[in-house]
N, C-alpha and C. Protein backbone atom coordinates (compact mmCIF):
# COMPACT_ATOMS: atom_id res chain seq x y z
N MET A 1 -77.11 109.94 135.26
CA MET A 1 -76.45 110.67 134.23
C MET A 1 -77.42 111.01 133.13
N ALA A 2 -77.51 112.34 132.76
CA ALA A 2 -78.48 112.73 131.77
C ALA A 2 -78.05 114.04 131.10
N ILE A 3 -78.49 114.26 129.89
CA ILE A 3 -78.29 115.54 129.27
C ILE A 3 -79.37 116.55 129.86
N ASP A 4 -78.87 117.72 130.22
CA ASP A 4 -79.74 118.71 130.84
C ASP A 4 -80.26 119.78 129.90
N GLY A 5 -79.92 119.72 128.67
CA GLY A 5 -80.36 120.75 127.69
C GLY A 5 -79.26 121.11 126.82
N ILE A 6 -79.51 122.18 126.00
CA ILE A 6 -78.41 122.67 125.13
C ILE A 6 -77.68 123.75 125.83
N SER A 7 -76.34 123.64 125.87
CA SER A 7 -75.50 124.63 126.46
C SER A 7 -75.43 125.88 125.62
N HIS A 8 -75.05 125.71 124.32
CA HIS A 8 -74.95 126.80 123.39
C HIS A 8 -74.88 126.39 121.99
N VAL A 9 -75.04 127.31 121.04
CA VAL A 9 -74.96 127.09 119.66
C VAL A 9 -73.90 128.02 119.15
N THR A 10 -72.96 127.52 118.27
CA THR A 10 -71.95 128.36 117.75
C THR A 10 -72.11 128.49 116.22
N PHE A 11 -71.96 129.72 115.71
CA PHE A 11 -71.99 129.99 114.34
C PHE A 11 -70.68 130.62 113.91
N LEU A 12 -70.08 130.17 112.81
CA LEU A 12 -68.91 130.81 112.25
C LEU A 12 -69.39 131.87 111.28
N VAL A 13 -68.76 133.07 111.42
CA VAL A 13 -69.29 134.21 110.61
C VAL A 13 -68.01 135.02 110.07
N ARG A 14 -68.19 135.73 109.03
CA ARG A 14 -67.12 136.57 108.44
C ARG A 14 -66.98 137.91 109.25
N ASP A 15 -68.12 138.42 109.68
CA ASP A 15 -68.13 139.74 110.29
C ASP A 15 -68.90 139.71 111.59
N LEU A 16 -68.22 139.75 112.72
CA LEU A 16 -68.92 139.65 114.02
C LEU A 16 -69.88 140.78 114.31
N ASP A 17 -69.51 142.05 113.89
CA ASP A 17 -70.34 143.19 114.08
C ASP A 17 -71.62 143.06 113.25
N ARG A 18 -71.54 142.56 112.08
CA ARG A 18 -72.73 142.40 111.30
C ARG A 18 -73.65 141.34 111.89
N MET A 19 -73.05 140.29 112.40
CA MET A 19 -73.83 139.21 113.10
C MET A 19 -74.47 139.78 114.36
N ALA A 20 -73.79 140.65 115.06
CA ALA A 20 -74.37 141.30 116.26
C ALA A 20 -75.58 142.12 115.83
N THR A 21 -75.53 142.85 114.78
CA THR A 21 -76.60 143.67 114.28
C THR A 21 -77.82 142.76 113.96
N PHE A 22 -77.50 141.62 113.24
CA PHE A 22 -78.54 140.69 112.86
C PHE A 22 -79.21 140.14 114.09
N LEU A 23 -78.44 139.65 115.07
CA LEU A 23 -79.02 138.99 116.25
C LEU A 23 -79.73 140.00 117.17
N CYS A 24 -79.07 141.12 117.42
CA CYS A 24 -79.61 142.15 118.35
C CYS A 24 -80.75 142.96 117.83
N ASP A 25 -80.47 143.62 116.66
CA ASP A 25 -81.47 144.51 116.04
C ASP A 25 -82.60 143.66 115.33
N GLY A 26 -82.19 142.58 114.72
CA GLY A 26 -83.17 141.79 114.00
C GLY A 26 -84.01 140.88 114.82
N LEU A 27 -83.40 140.21 115.84
CA LEU A 27 -84.06 139.21 116.59
C LEU A 27 -84.25 139.57 118.08
N GLY A 28 -83.61 140.65 118.54
CA GLY A 28 -83.81 141.03 119.91
C GLY A 28 -82.83 140.39 120.91
N ALA A 29 -81.74 139.80 120.43
CA ALA A 29 -80.79 139.25 121.31
C ALA A 29 -80.06 140.24 122.11
N LYS A 30 -79.37 139.82 123.22
CA LYS A 30 -78.61 140.69 124.03
C LYS A 30 -77.15 140.25 123.91
N GLU A 31 -76.24 141.17 123.54
CA GLU A 31 -74.85 140.82 123.48
C GLU A 31 -74.30 140.85 124.89
N VAL A 32 -73.56 139.79 125.29
CA VAL A 32 -73.09 139.67 126.66
C VAL A 32 -71.55 139.57 126.75
N TYR A 33 -70.88 139.44 125.60
CA TYR A 33 -69.40 139.23 125.69
C TYR A 33 -68.82 139.43 124.28
N ASP A 34 -67.65 140.10 124.27
CA ASP A 34 -66.83 140.28 123.03
C ASP A 34 -65.37 140.06 123.44
N SER A 35 -64.71 139.06 122.86
CA SER A 35 -63.39 138.78 123.25
C SER A 35 -62.41 139.95 122.86
N GLN A 36 -62.72 140.77 121.85
CA GLN A 36 -61.97 141.88 121.45
C GLN A 36 -60.46 141.61 121.41
N GLY A 37 -60.11 140.55 120.71
CA GLY A 37 -58.71 140.28 120.51
C GLY A 37 -57.99 139.43 121.55
N GLU A 38 -58.63 139.26 122.72
CA GLU A 38 -58.15 138.41 123.80
C GLU A 38 -58.82 137.03 123.54
N ASN A 39 -58.33 136.30 122.55
CA ASN A 39 -59.00 135.14 122.14
C ASN A 39 -58.64 133.90 123.08
N PHE A 40 -59.68 133.40 123.65
CA PHE A 40 -59.52 132.21 124.51
C PHE A 40 -59.92 130.95 123.74
N SER A 41 -60.50 131.10 122.58
CA SER A 41 -60.93 129.96 121.77
C SER A 41 -60.16 130.07 120.47
N LEU A 42 -60.72 129.63 119.40
CA LEU A 42 -60.04 129.52 118.08
C LEU A 42 -59.88 130.95 117.44
N SER A 43 -60.78 131.86 117.66
CA SER A 43 -60.66 133.15 117.12
C SER A 43 -61.52 134.17 117.86
N ARG A 44 -61.54 135.42 117.44
CA ARG A 44 -62.43 136.35 118.13
C ARG A 44 -63.87 135.84 118.17
N GLU A 45 -64.55 136.17 119.22
CA GLU A 45 -65.94 135.63 119.34
C GLU A 45 -66.75 136.67 120.17
N LYS A 46 -68.08 136.59 119.91
CA LYS A 46 -69.05 137.29 120.71
C LYS A 46 -70.12 136.31 121.23
N PHE A 47 -70.63 136.57 122.40
CA PHE A 47 -71.66 135.76 122.93
C PHE A 47 -72.96 136.55 123.03
N PHE A 48 -74.05 136.00 122.82
CA PHE A 48 -75.40 136.53 122.85
C PHE A 48 -76.33 135.69 123.64
N VAL A 49 -77.40 136.24 124.14
CA VAL A 49 -78.46 135.42 124.74
C VAL A 49 -79.76 135.83 124.00
N LEU A 50 -80.40 134.82 123.45
CA LEU A 50 -81.65 134.98 122.65
C LEU A 50 -82.61 133.93 123.09
N GLY A 51 -83.76 134.32 123.61
CA GLY A 51 -84.78 133.34 124.06
C GLY A 51 -84.23 132.37 125.13
N GLY A 52 -83.29 132.81 125.93
CA GLY A 52 -82.70 132.02 126.96
C GLY A 52 -81.62 131.07 126.42
N VAL A 53 -81.25 131.15 125.13
CA VAL A 53 -80.22 130.34 124.49
C VAL A 53 -78.95 131.18 124.31
N TRP A 54 -77.81 130.56 124.75
CA TRP A 54 -76.52 131.19 124.56
C TRP A 54 -76.07 130.89 123.14
N ILE A 55 -75.80 131.97 122.39
CA ILE A 55 -75.38 131.86 121.00
C ILE A 55 -73.98 132.41 120.95
N ALA A 56 -73.08 131.69 120.42
CA ALA A 56 -71.69 132.09 120.22
C ALA A 56 -71.49 132.31 118.72
N ALA A 57 -70.91 133.50 118.37
CA ALA A 57 -70.56 133.77 117.03
C ALA A 57 -69.02 133.96 117.01
N MET A 58 -68.36 133.24 116.14
CA MET A 58 -66.95 133.27 116.06
C MET A 58 -66.48 133.50 114.69
N GLU A 59 -65.41 134.41 114.56
CA GLU A 59 -64.91 134.69 113.26
C GLU A 59 -64.27 133.49 112.62
N GLY A 60 -64.69 133.16 111.39
CA GLY A 60 -64.16 132.06 110.66
C GLY A 60 -64.88 131.89 109.32
N SER A 61 -64.75 130.73 108.79
CA SER A 61 -65.37 130.50 107.43
C SER A 61 -66.72 129.93 107.56
N PRO A 62 -67.75 130.69 107.22
CA PRO A 62 -69.09 130.17 107.32
C PRO A 62 -69.38 129.06 106.29
N PRO A 63 -70.55 128.48 106.35
CA PRO A 63 -70.85 127.45 105.37
C PRO A 63 -70.85 128.02 103.96
N ALA A 64 -70.29 127.28 103.00
CA ALA A 64 -70.15 127.81 101.65
C ALA A 64 -71.48 127.79 100.89
N GLU A 65 -72.43 126.91 101.35
CA GLU A 65 -73.68 126.92 100.66
C GLU A 65 -74.82 126.81 101.70
N ARG A 66 -76.03 127.12 101.25
CA ARG A 66 -77.17 127.09 102.09
C ARG A 66 -77.79 125.65 102.09
N THR A 67 -78.28 125.31 103.24
CA THR A 67 -79.04 124.06 103.38
C THR A 67 -80.26 124.30 104.21
N TYR A 68 -81.07 123.24 104.38
CA TYR A 68 -82.24 123.34 105.26
C TYR A 68 -81.93 123.15 106.74
N ARG A 69 -80.70 122.77 107.00
CA ARG A 69 -80.33 122.67 108.44
C ARG A 69 -80.48 124.04 109.13
N HIS A 70 -81.24 124.10 110.21
CA HIS A 70 -81.50 125.37 110.80
C HIS A 70 -81.78 125.30 112.26
N LEU A 71 -81.77 126.51 112.84
CA LEU A 71 -82.12 126.67 114.26
C LEU A 71 -83.45 127.39 114.32
N ALA A 72 -84.34 126.93 115.06
CA ALA A 72 -85.71 127.45 115.20
C ALA A 72 -85.98 128.03 116.62
N PHE A 73 -86.53 129.21 116.67
CA PHE A 73 -86.96 129.76 117.95
C PHE A 73 -88.41 129.89 117.96
N LYS A 74 -89.06 129.65 119.19
CA LYS A 74 -90.47 129.72 119.34
C LYS A 74 -90.86 131.12 119.57
N VAL A 75 -91.91 131.60 118.80
CA VAL A 75 -92.46 132.95 118.96
C VAL A 75 -93.91 132.84 118.95
N ASP A 76 -94.59 133.95 119.26
CA ASP A 76 -96.03 134.13 119.18
C ASP A 76 -96.32 134.41 117.69
N GLU A 77 -97.39 133.79 117.15
CA GLU A 77 -97.69 133.99 115.76
C GLU A 77 -97.90 135.45 115.40
N ALA A 78 -98.54 136.20 116.31
CA ALA A 78 -98.87 137.61 116.14
C ALA A 78 -97.59 138.46 115.94
N ASP A 79 -96.41 137.94 116.38
CA ASP A 79 -95.19 138.67 116.25
C ASP A 79 -94.43 138.44 114.94
N LEU A 80 -94.87 137.38 114.23
CA LEU A 80 -94.09 137.10 112.99
C LEU A 80 -93.99 138.24 112.01
N PRO A 81 -95.11 139.04 111.73
CA PRO A 81 -94.98 140.13 110.84
C PRO A 81 -94.02 141.20 111.35
N LEU A 82 -93.91 141.43 112.60
CA LEU A 82 -93.02 142.42 113.22
C LEU A 82 -91.55 142.01 113.00
N PHE A 83 -91.30 140.69 113.27
CA PHE A 83 -89.90 140.18 113.01
C PHE A 83 -89.59 140.31 111.58
N GLU A 84 -90.52 140.01 110.70
CA GLU A 84 -90.25 140.01 109.29
C GLU A 84 -89.87 141.46 108.81
N GLN A 85 -90.58 142.42 109.36
CA GLN A 85 -90.26 143.81 109.04
C GLN A 85 -88.88 144.25 109.44
N ARG A 86 -88.60 143.86 110.70
CA ARG A 86 -87.23 144.17 111.23
C ARG A 86 -86.15 143.56 110.44
N LEU A 87 -86.34 142.28 110.09
CA LEU A 87 -85.30 141.58 109.28
C LEU A 87 -85.15 142.10 107.91
N ARG A 88 -86.26 142.43 107.27
CA ARG A 88 -86.20 142.97 105.89
C ARG A 88 -85.44 144.30 105.91
N ARG A 89 -85.67 145.11 106.93
CA ARG A 89 -84.94 146.41 107.05
C ARG A 89 -83.44 146.17 107.08
N LEU A 90 -83.00 145.06 107.68
CA LEU A 90 -81.58 144.70 107.74
C LEU A 90 -81.03 144.10 106.42
N GLY A 91 -81.90 143.84 105.49
CA GLY A 91 -81.51 143.21 104.27
C GLY A 91 -81.38 141.68 104.31
N VAL A 92 -82.05 141.11 105.37
CA VAL A 92 -82.00 139.67 105.48
C VAL A 92 -82.82 138.97 104.43
N ASP A 93 -82.38 137.88 103.95
CA ASP A 93 -83.07 137.07 102.93
C ASP A 93 -84.14 136.25 103.54
N ILE A 94 -85.38 136.70 103.38
CA ILE A 94 -86.60 135.99 103.90
C ILE A 94 -86.98 134.98 102.81
N ARG A 95 -87.13 133.72 103.23
CA ARG A 95 -87.46 132.64 102.35
C ARG A 95 -88.98 132.48 102.25
N PRO A 96 -89.47 132.02 101.13
CA PRO A 96 -90.90 131.74 101.00
C PRO A 96 -91.23 130.57 102.03
N PRO A 97 -92.40 130.65 102.60
CA PRO A 97 -92.83 129.56 103.52
C PRO A 97 -92.99 128.22 102.76
N ARG A 98 -92.72 127.19 103.51
CA ARG A 98 -92.94 125.87 102.92
C ARG A 98 -94.41 125.53 103.13
N SER A 99 -94.89 124.54 102.31
CA SER A 99 -96.33 124.18 102.48
C SER A 99 -96.55 123.60 103.84
N ARG A 100 -97.68 123.87 104.42
CA ARG A 100 -98.01 123.47 105.75
C ARG A 100 -99.30 122.69 105.83
N VAL A 101 -99.33 121.75 106.80
CA VAL A 101 -100.56 121.02 107.15
C VAL A 101 -101.26 121.91 108.18
N GLU A 102 -102.59 121.99 108.10
CA GLU A 102 -103.31 122.83 109.03
C GLU A 102 -103.06 122.40 110.46
N GLY A 103 -102.77 123.36 111.35
CA GLY A 103 -102.43 123.07 112.72
C GLY A 103 -101.00 122.94 113.04
N GLU A 104 -100.17 122.93 112.05
CA GLU A 104 -98.75 122.71 112.16
C GLU A 104 -98.05 123.93 112.78
N GLY A 105 -98.63 125.11 112.70
CA GLY A 105 -98.04 126.27 113.19
C GLY A 105 -97.30 127.13 112.11
N ALA A 106 -97.42 128.43 112.16
CA ALA A 106 -96.84 129.30 111.18
C ALA A 106 -95.32 129.45 111.43
N SER A 107 -94.57 129.72 110.35
CA SER A 107 -93.10 129.91 110.47
C SER A 107 -92.63 131.07 109.62
N LEU A 108 -91.50 131.65 109.93
CA LEU A 108 -90.81 132.57 109.08
C LEU A 108 -89.37 131.97 109.02
N TYR A 109 -88.96 131.71 107.77
CA TYR A 109 -87.58 131.21 107.50
C TYR A 109 -86.78 132.29 106.89
N PHE A 110 -85.47 132.43 107.30
CA PHE A 110 -84.61 133.41 106.75
C PHE A 110 -83.19 133.05 106.98
N TYR A 111 -82.27 133.52 106.07
CA TYR A 111 -80.87 133.30 106.16
C TYR A 111 -80.17 134.54 106.80
N ASP A 112 -79.13 134.30 107.54
CA ASP A 112 -78.27 135.41 108.01
C ASP A 112 -77.37 135.76 106.86
N PHE A 113 -76.36 136.54 107.09
CA PHE A 113 -75.48 136.96 106.04
C PHE A 113 -74.27 135.91 105.78
N ASP A 114 -74.38 134.82 106.44
CA ASP A 114 -73.32 133.82 106.35
C ASP A 114 -73.87 132.42 106.01
N ASN A 115 -75.04 132.37 105.39
CA ASN A 115 -75.71 131.13 104.89
C ASN A 115 -76.28 130.24 105.97
N HIS A 116 -76.47 130.79 107.22
CA HIS A 116 -77.14 129.99 108.23
C HIS A 116 -78.62 130.24 108.17
N LEU A 117 -79.41 129.17 108.18
CA LEU A 117 -80.86 129.28 108.14
C LEU A 117 -81.47 129.27 109.51
N TYR A 118 -82.41 130.12 109.77
CA TYR A 118 -83.17 130.26 111.02
C TYR A 118 -84.67 130.19 110.73
N GLU A 119 -85.38 129.82 111.72
CA GLU A 119 -86.82 129.77 111.67
C GLU A 119 -87.40 130.39 112.93
N LEU A 120 -88.45 131.25 112.78
CA LEU A 120 -89.22 131.62 113.89
C LEU A 120 -90.56 130.87 113.71
N HIS A 121 -90.88 130.00 114.72
CA HIS A 121 -91.97 129.14 114.65
C HIS A 121 -92.93 129.35 115.77
N ALA A 122 -94.27 129.42 115.35
CA ALA A 122 -95.35 129.58 116.28
C ALA A 122 -96.04 128.20 116.49
N GLY A 123 -95.59 127.45 117.38
CA GLY A 123 -96.14 126.10 117.66
C GLY A 123 -95.24 125.28 118.53
N THR A 124 -95.72 124.18 118.98
CA THR A 124 -95.02 123.32 119.90
C THR A 124 -94.83 121.94 119.26
N LEU A 125 -94.01 121.15 119.85
CA LEU A 125 -93.84 119.75 119.41
C LEU A 125 -95.15 119.02 119.65
N GLU A 126 -95.76 119.24 120.75
CA GLU A 126 -97.06 118.50 121.05
C GLU A 126 -98.11 118.82 119.97
N GLU A 127 -98.18 120.15 119.64
CA GLU A 127 -99.18 120.52 118.67
C GLU A 127 -98.83 119.85 117.31
N ARG A 128 -97.59 119.81 116.99
CA ARG A 128 -97.17 119.27 115.62
C ARG A 128 -97.50 117.75 115.59
N VAL A 129 -97.12 117.03 116.64
CA VAL A 129 -97.43 115.58 116.66
C VAL A 129 -98.87 115.29 116.59
N ALA A 130 -99.68 116.13 117.38
CA ALA A 130 -101.17 115.91 117.36
C ALA A 130 -101.74 116.21 115.99
N CYS A 131 -101.24 117.17 115.33
CA CYS A 131 -101.65 117.58 113.99
C CYS A 131 -101.36 116.41 113.00
N TYR A 132 -100.17 115.83 113.09
CA TYR A 132 -99.80 114.74 112.19
C TYR A 132 -100.58 113.47 112.41
N ARG A 133 -101.01 113.25 113.66
CA ARG A 133 -101.74 112.04 114.00
C ARG A 133 -103.23 112.11 113.57
N ARG A 134 -103.76 113.32 113.26
CA ARG A 134 -105.11 113.38 112.84
C ARG A 134 -105.36 112.89 111.53
């Protein structure tokens, strides 16, 4: 018996269409399902695939406040400026980078329109641990 990985991540959002624009136009996700009123779960929902991860967005009450709790996707460092441009065009709140230890990997932090924090990170767990052990 073992955990085989993450099945999906669910976000509660006020506006599913706005979330679709954020995920698809901003991050390059592919929308694969829209319940369109035929709700099998708690409310209307849309499913997306981003970086091989199933993301569910469901109409509901998003977090009232922002925290550092976030979802991070691995990207190539050379692509970070391109993602930042796309996200800024959508009006996404790009956060200042946190201080970094050399070798930790570059990141882009940003909030969606419902207070969820995301990170695009150029680095791996192995690189991070090796950096911290130096």
